[in-house]
Amino acid sequence: MNSETEKSHGAKLPEGVIHPVTLVFQGVFKDLETAYQQYHFKKFLFIQRAGILIAIFFYAFFGLLDSYLLPEKKEIFWFIRYAVACPFAFAVFLFTFTPAYQTHRNAALFLMFIVAGFGIDMMILLSEPPASYSYYAGIILILIYLFSFIRVQFIWAFTASWLMILFYEVIAIGLIDTPSAVLVNNNFFIIVGNIFCIMAGYSIERSSRITFCLATLLDREKQVVLSKNQALEVSLERQVEAEKALRRKNEQVEQIVRERTRQLQKSEALFKAAIDHSPIGIVVCHGPEQTVMAMNRKFTDLFGY
């Protein structure tokens, strides 16, 4: 199941990123835990508020079942529902609007479910057979809601679920006379249901953490690539500017060379004209062998060359 989840995201999660039990980020990735908690808080705040209100509604609505199954006990049951569990849940709902909720939301939701679950357990303790044998279904509903909808962190939900079941076991086995067949039946559904809920909650949170981790790693890689691209762009811009400066320098050099060449050609023409029209004979020799390089017309007239 885990490998399929990772394949569905198109990448493999590095080993040791998530603790196999608590599901918190660990090792070199432990810095992701704070970021994930902030992401989880922002993403599911509305869902948690709506979930609390829905939970209050149904927890109160099942008070009608109390008046039908155990009318003689409805006052004390309604006290548990309407004076303890529902007000406590509503207090948690109001707590979601405070800054402290972001830090203590898991503890607050944990206590809310403990109060609700223990309330059902107390109704089992206070009710009489056979009605008391059916109230265990309320615990199963709380477990389903705890792991699937309200999105409490897995380790908190795991602890709350087994505490509710443990308290039920104390009541069903030690405090009331529960027939063996009923006890086996109720325990089968409660424990198996809780295991299924734990598996679902584990899978949901792990998948959420994998998605967050891969998205974060992808964002980091994008930032690295973006940074390298920006550095490359700056380098290319500098190279282009250097090439432009080099071309400008070459153009300046070429301009100087052309100007010097023109001046040299002009000087050479003037020198040649001066020699050719000189009234005296001139010969230009070069090298140790006095090789004749040039002579003017007057020189040829005088010496016959």
Protein backbone atom coordinates (compact mmCIF):
# COMPACT_ATOMS: atom_id res chain seq x y z
CA MET A 1 0.00 0.00 0.00
CA ASN A 2 2.84 2.41 0.85
CA SER A 3 4.71 1.74 -2.39
CA GLU A 4 1.53 2.24 -4.39
CA THR A 5 0.97 5.56 -2.65
CA GLU A 6 4.49 6.68 -3.51
CA LYS A 7 4.13 5.53 -7.13
CA SER A 8 0.91 7.49 -7.45
CA HIS A 9 2.87 10.67 -6.75
CA GLY A 10 5.36 9.91 -9.50
CA ALA A 11 8.41 9.78 -7.21
CA LYS A 12 9.92 7.63 -4.50
CA LEU A 13 10.09 9.02 -0.99
CA PRO A 14 13.61 8.89 0.48
CA GLU A 15 14.12 6.25 3.17
CA GLY A 16 13.74 7.31 6.79
CA VAL A 17 11.84 10.52 6.10
CA ILE A 18 8.75 9.55 8.13
CA HIS A 19 8.77 7.72 11.45
CA PRO A 20 6.96 4.41 10.89
CA VAL A 21 4.83 4.74 14.06
CA THR A 22 4.32 8.40 14.86
CA LEU A 23 4.52 9.50 11.18
CA VAL A 24 6.49 12.62 12.12
CA PHE A 25 9.29 13.76 9.84
CA GLN A 26 12.70 12.73 11.12
CA GLY A 27 16.41 12.82 10.32
CA VAL A 28 17.53 15.47 7.87
CA PHE A 29 13.87 16.08 7.05
CA LYS A 30 12.74 16.88 10.60
CA ASP A 31 12.58 20.57 9.69
CA LEU A 32 9.56 19.67 7.54
CA GLU A 33 7.47 18.84 10.62
CA THR A 34 6.86 22.47 11.59
CA ALA A 35 6.07 23.40 7.99
CA TYR A 36 3.71 20.43 7.68
CA GLN A 37 1.87 21.34 10.88
CA GLN A 38 1.35 24.88 9.56
CA TYR A 39 0.18 23.51 6.22
CA HIS A 40 -2.16 21.02 7.94
CA PHE A 41 -3.56 23.74 10.21
CA LYS A 42 -4.38 26.09 7.33
CA LYS A 43 -5.79 23.36 5.09
CA PHE A 44 -8.07 21.66 7.63
CA LEU A 45 -9.07 24.48 9.98
CA PHE A 46 -12.45 24.96 8.30
CA ILE A 47 -13.02 21.19 8.14
CA GLN A 48 -12.25 20.83 11.84
CA ARG A 49 -14.61 23.65 12.79
CA ALA A 50 -17.37 22.19 10.65
CA GLY A 51 -16.60 18.73 11.99
CA ILE A 52 -16.91 19.86 15.60
CA LEU A 53 -20.31 21.45 14.94
CA ILE A 54 -21.53 18.34 13.10
CA ALA A 55 -20.27 16.14 15.93
CA ILE A 56 -22.13 18.30 18.48
CA PHE A 57 -25.31 18.03 16.44
CA PHE A 58 -25.29 14.25 16.19
CA TYR A 59 -24.10 13.72 19.76
CA ALA A 60 -27.04 15.84 20.91
CA PHE A 61 -29.45 14.31 18.39
CA PHE A 62 -28.85 10.82 19.77
CA GLY A 63 -30.37 12.08 23.01
CA LEU A 64 -33.67 11.08 21.35
CA LEU A 65 -32.43 7.51 21.45
CA ASP A 66 -31.84 7.84 25.19
CA SER A 67 -35.47 8.83 25.78
CA TYR A 68 -36.64 5.87 23.67
CA LEU A 69 -34.38 3.13 25.06
CA LEU A 70 -34.07 4.24 28.67
CA PRO A 71 -36.66 6.92 29.48
CA GLU A 72 -36.06 6.48 33.19
CA LYS A 73 -32.36 7.33 32.72
CA LYS A 74 -32.72 10.08 30.15
CA GLU A 75 -32.14 12.91 32.66
CA ILE A 76 -28.67 11.71 33.64
CA PHE A 77 -27.86 10.74 30.05
CA TRP A 78 -28.93 14.16 28.87
CA PHE A 79 -26.77 15.70 31.57
CA ILE A 80 -23.78 13.83 30.12
CA ARG A 81 -24.67 14.90 26.58
CA TYR A 82 -25.97 18.43 27.02
CA ALA A 83 -24.20 19.60 30.16
CA VAL A 84 -20.78 17.97 29.71
CA ALA A 85 -19.87 16.59 26.27
CA CYS A 86 -21.61 19.10 23.97
CA PRO A 87 -20.54 22.22 25.94
CA PHE A 88 -16.99 20.92 26.07
CA ALA A 89 -17.02 20.36 22.30
CA PHE A 90 -18.45 23.84 21.76
CA ALA A 91 -15.69 25.27 23.95
CA VAL A 92 -13.18 23.55 21.66
CA PHE A 93 -15.00 25.07 18.68
CA LEU A 94 -14.57 28.55 20.21
CA PHE A 95 -10.94 27.69 20.97
CA THR A 96 -10.35 27.21 17.21
CA PHE A 97 -10.69 30.99 16.79
CA THR A 98 -7.79 31.73 19.15
CA PRO A 99 -4.09 31.92 18.17
CA ALA A 100 -3.27 29.16 20.68
CA TYR A 101 -5.35 26.64 18.73
CA GLN A 102 -2.65 26.24 16.09
CA THR A 103 -0.21 24.97 18.71
CA HIS A 104 -2.61 23.00 20.91
CA ARG A 105 -5.25 21.83 18.42
CA ASN A 106 -4.35 18.13 18.64
CA ALA A 107 -4.50 18.17 22.43
CA ALA A 108 -7.84 20.03 22.35
CA LEU A 109 -9.40 17.63 19.85
CA PHE A 110 -7.94 14.68 21.77
CA LEU A 111 -9.68 15.85 24.96
CA MET A 112 -12.91 16.51 23.07
CA PHE A 113 -13.04 12.92 21.80
CA ILE A 114 -12.00 11.52 25.19
CA VAL A 115 -14.88 13.39 26.85
CA ALA A 116 -17.31 12.21 24.16
CA GLY A 117 -16.09 8.60 24.33
CA PHE A 118 -16.03 8.48 28.11
CA GLY A 119 -19.54 9.94 28.08
CA ILE A 120 -20.73 6.95 26.02
CA ASP A 121 -18.86 4.62 28.37
CA MET A 122 -20.58 6.23 31.37
CA MET A 123 -23.96 5.73 29.68
CA ILE A 124 -23.11 2.04 29.30
CA LEU A 125 -22.22 1.90 32.98
CA LEU A 126 -25.38 3.68 34.09
CA SER A 127 -27.83 1.95 31.75
CA GLU A 128 -29.48 -1.39 32.32
CA PRO A 129 -29.51 -4.53 30.15
CA PRO A 130 -30.34 -5.06 27.39
CA ALA A 131 -30.11 -1.37 26.39
CA SER A 132 -26.59 -1.13 27.79
CA TYR A 133 -25.43 -3.77 25.30
CA SER A 134 -26.16 -1.54 22.29
CA TYR A 135 -24.48 1.68 23.37
CA TYR A 136 -21.08 0.36 22.29
CA ALA A 137 -22.09 1.35 18.74
CA GLY A 138 -21.66 4.98 19.79
CA ILE A 139 -17.98 4.30 20.48
CA ILE A 140 -17.56 2.90 16.97
CA LEU A 141 -19.13 6.02 15.48
CA ILE A 142 -16.75 8.19 17.49
CA LEU A 143 -13.78 6.13 16.29
CA ILE A 144 -14.82 6.49 12.65
CA TYR A 145 -15.24 10.23 13.07
CA LEU A 146 -11.95 10.53 14.95
CA PHE A 147 -9.79 8.91 12.27
CA SER A 148 -11.53 9.87 9.04
CA PHE A 149 -13.14 13.30 9.18
CA ILE A 150 -11.83 15.55 11.92
CA ARG A 151 -8.16 14.96 10.91
CA VAL A 152 -6.56 14.71 14.33
CA GLN A 153 -2.86 13.83 14.09
CA PHE A 154 -2.53 10.05 13.91
CA ILE A 155 -0.61 9.47 17.15
CA TRP A 156 -3.18 11.52 19.11
CA ALA A 157 -6.11 9.71 17.48
CA PHE A 158 -4.45 6.34 18.09
CA THR A 159 -4.00 7.09 21.79
CA ALA A 160 -7.54 8.44 22.22
CA SER A 161 -9.11 5.41 20.53
CA TRP A 162 -7.44 2.85 22.77
CA LEU A 163 -8.15 4.87 25.91
CA MET A 164 -11.87 4.87 25.05
CA ILE A 165 -11.77 1.12 24.39
CA LEU A 166 -9.79 0.47 27.57
CA PHE A 167 -12.37 2.37 29.63
CA TYR A 168 -15.14 0.39 27.92
CA GLU A 169 -13.38 -2.86 28.82
CA VAL A 170 -13.10 -1.80 32.45
CA ILE A 171 -16.82 -1.08 32.55
CA ALA A 172 -18.01 -4.06 30.50
CA ILE A 173 -15.85 -6.61 32.27
CA GLY A 174 -15.27 -5.26 35.76
CA LEU A 175 -18.19 -2.98 36.64
CA ILE A 176 -21.26 -4.49 34.99
CA ASP A 177 -22.41 -8.02 34.41
CA THR A 178 -22.08 -8.39 30.64
CA PRO A 179 -22.96 -11.82 29.19
CA SER A 180 -20.00 -13.54 27.53
CA ALA A 181 -21.69 -13.71 24.14
CA VAL A 182 -22.51 -9.99 24.23
CA LEU A 183 -19.01 -9.13 25.47
CA VAL A 184 -17.36 -11.16 22.70
CA ASN A 185 -19.66 -9.66 20.07
CA ASN A 186 -19.16 -6.07 21.23
CA ASN A 187 -15.41 -6.45 21.60
CA PHE A 188 -15.13 -7.99 18.16
CA PHE A 189 -16.83 -5.03 16.49
CA ILE A 190 -15.16 -2.38 18.64
CA ILE A 191 -11.61 -3.73 18.34
CA VAL A 192 -11.83 -4.76 14.68
CA GLY A 193 -13.54 -1.47 13.86
CA ASN A 194 -10.82 0.42 15.67
CA ILE A 195 -8.11 -1.48 13.80
CA PHE A 196 -9.77 -0.62 10.49
CA CYS A 197 -10.04 3.02 11.59
CA ILE A 198 -6.38 3.04 12.63
CA MET A 199 -5.36 1.63 9.24
CA ALA A 200 -7.46 4.24 7.43
CA GLY A 201 -6.18 7.09 9.59
CA TYR A 202 -2.58 5.90 9.20
CA SER A 203 -2.95 5.68 5.43
CA ILE A 204 -4.65 9.08 5.15
CA GLU A 205 -2.03 10.92 7.20
CA ARG A 206 0.91 9.11 5.62
CA SER A 207 -0.39 9.89 2.15
CA SER A 208 -0.85 13.53 3.16
CA ARG A 209 2.69 13.70 4.52
CA ILE A 210 4.15 12.03 1.43
CA THR A 211 2.35 14.49 -0.82
CA PHE A 212 3.57 17.42 1.29
CA CYS A 213 7.14 16.11 1.42
CA LEU A 214 7.37 15.49 -2.33
CA ALA A 215 5.81 18.86 -3.08
CA THR A 216 8.27 20.58 -0.72
CA LEU A 217 11.26 18.75 -2.20
CA LEU A 218 10.02 19.63 -5.68
CA ASP A 219 9.69 23.29 -4.69
CA ARG A 220 13.22 23.22 -3.30
CA GLU A 221 14.54 21.71 -6.53
CA LYS A 222 12.65 24.36 -8.49
CA GLN A 223 14.25 27.05 -6.34
CA VAL A 224 17.70 25.55 -6.95
CA VAL A 225 17.07 25.38 -10.69
CA LEU A 226 15.63 28.91 -10.68
CA SER A 227 18.66 30.18 -8.77
CA LYS A 228 21.03 28.47 -11.21
CA ASN A 229 19.07 29.81 -14.18
CA GLN A 230 19.23 33.32 -12.75
CA ALA A 231 22.98 32.96 -12.18
CA LEU A 232 23.35 31.65 -15.73
CA GLU A 233 21.32 34.56 -17.10
CA VAL A 234 23.52 37.02 -15.21
CA SER A 235 26.62 35.26 -16.54
CA LEU A 236 25.26 35.34 -20.09
CA GLU A 237 24.36 39.01 -19.76
CA ARG A 238 27.89 39.75 -18.54
CA GLN A 239 29.31 37.71 -21.42
CA VAL A 240 27.12 39.57 -23.93
CA GLU A 241 28.18 42.91 -22.44
CA ALA A 242 31.82 41.81 -22.60
CA GLU A 243 31.41 40.79 -26.24
CA LYS A 244 29.76 44.12 -27.03
CA ALA A 245 32.61 45.95 -25.28
CA LEU A 246 35.13 43.85 -27.22
CA ARG A 247 33.41 44.65 -30.51
CA ARG A 248 33.40 48.34 -29.63
CA LYS A 249 37.12 48.12 -28.81
CA ASN A 250 37.82 46.30 -32.06
CA GLU A 251 35.90 48.93 -33.98
CA GLN A 252 37.93 51.63 -32.24
CA VAL A 253 41.18 49.82 -33.08
CA GLU A 254 40.07 49.35 -36.68
CA GLN A 255 39.19 53.04 -36.84
CA ILE A 256 42.65 53.93 -35.51
CA VAL A 257 44.31 51.52 -37.96
CA ARG A 258 42.38 52.97 -40.88
CA GLU A 259 43.26 56.50 -39.79
CA ARG A 260 46.95 55.60 -39.31
CA THR A 261 46.99 53.81 -42.67
CA ARG A 262 45.46 56.82 -44.38
CA GLN A 263 47.99 59.12 -42.71
CA LEU A 264 50.83 56.78 -43.65
CA GLN A 265 49.66 56.59 -47.24
CA LYS A 266 49.42 60.39 -47.33
CA SER A 267 52.89 60.74 -45.82
CA GLU A 268 54.25 58.16 -48.24
CA ALA A 269 52.71 60.00 -51.20
CA LEU A 270 54.13 63.31 -49.98
CA PHE A 271 57.55 61.70 -49.44
CA LYS A 272 57.45 60.12 -52.91
CA ALA A 273 56.38 63.40 -54.49
CA ALA A 274 59.16 65.28 -52.65
CA ILE A 275 61.78 62.80 -53.85
CA ASP A 276 60.51 62.74 -57.43
CA HIS A 277 60.50 66.53 -57.76
CA SER A 278 63.74 67.18 -55.85
CA PRO A 279 66.36 69.21 -57.86
CA ILE A 280 69.12 66.95 -56.55
CA GLY A 281 69.67 63.31 -57.25
CA ILE A 282 68.47 60.99 -54.48
CA VAL A 283 68.95 57.24 -54.09
CA VAL A 284 67.62 55.12 -51.20
CA CYS A 285 69.67 52.06 -50.21
CA HIS A 286 68.96 49.38 -47.60
CA GLY A 287 70.94 46.72 -45.79
CA PRO A 288 74.62 45.93 -45.50
CA GLU A 289 74.81 45.29 -49.23
CA GLN A 290 73.34 48.72 -49.90
CA THR A 291 70.55 47.37 -52.00
CA VAL A 292 68.97 50.16 -54.00
CA MET A 293 65.35 50.55 -52.98
CA ALA A 294 64.42 53.72 -54.86
CA MET A 295 65.86 56.68 -56.78
CA ASN A 296 64.42 59.84 -58.23
CA ARG A 297 64.31 61.02 -61.82
CA LYS A 298 67.09 63.57 -61.23
CA PHE A 299 69.45 60.79 -60.09
CA THR A 300 68.77 58.77 -63.25
CA ASP A 301 69.36 61.84 -65.37
CA LEU A 302 72.69 62.46 -63.68
CA PHE A 303 74.06 58.93 -63.58
CA GLY A 304 72.17 57.20 -66.39
CA TYR A 305 70.35 54.49 -64.36
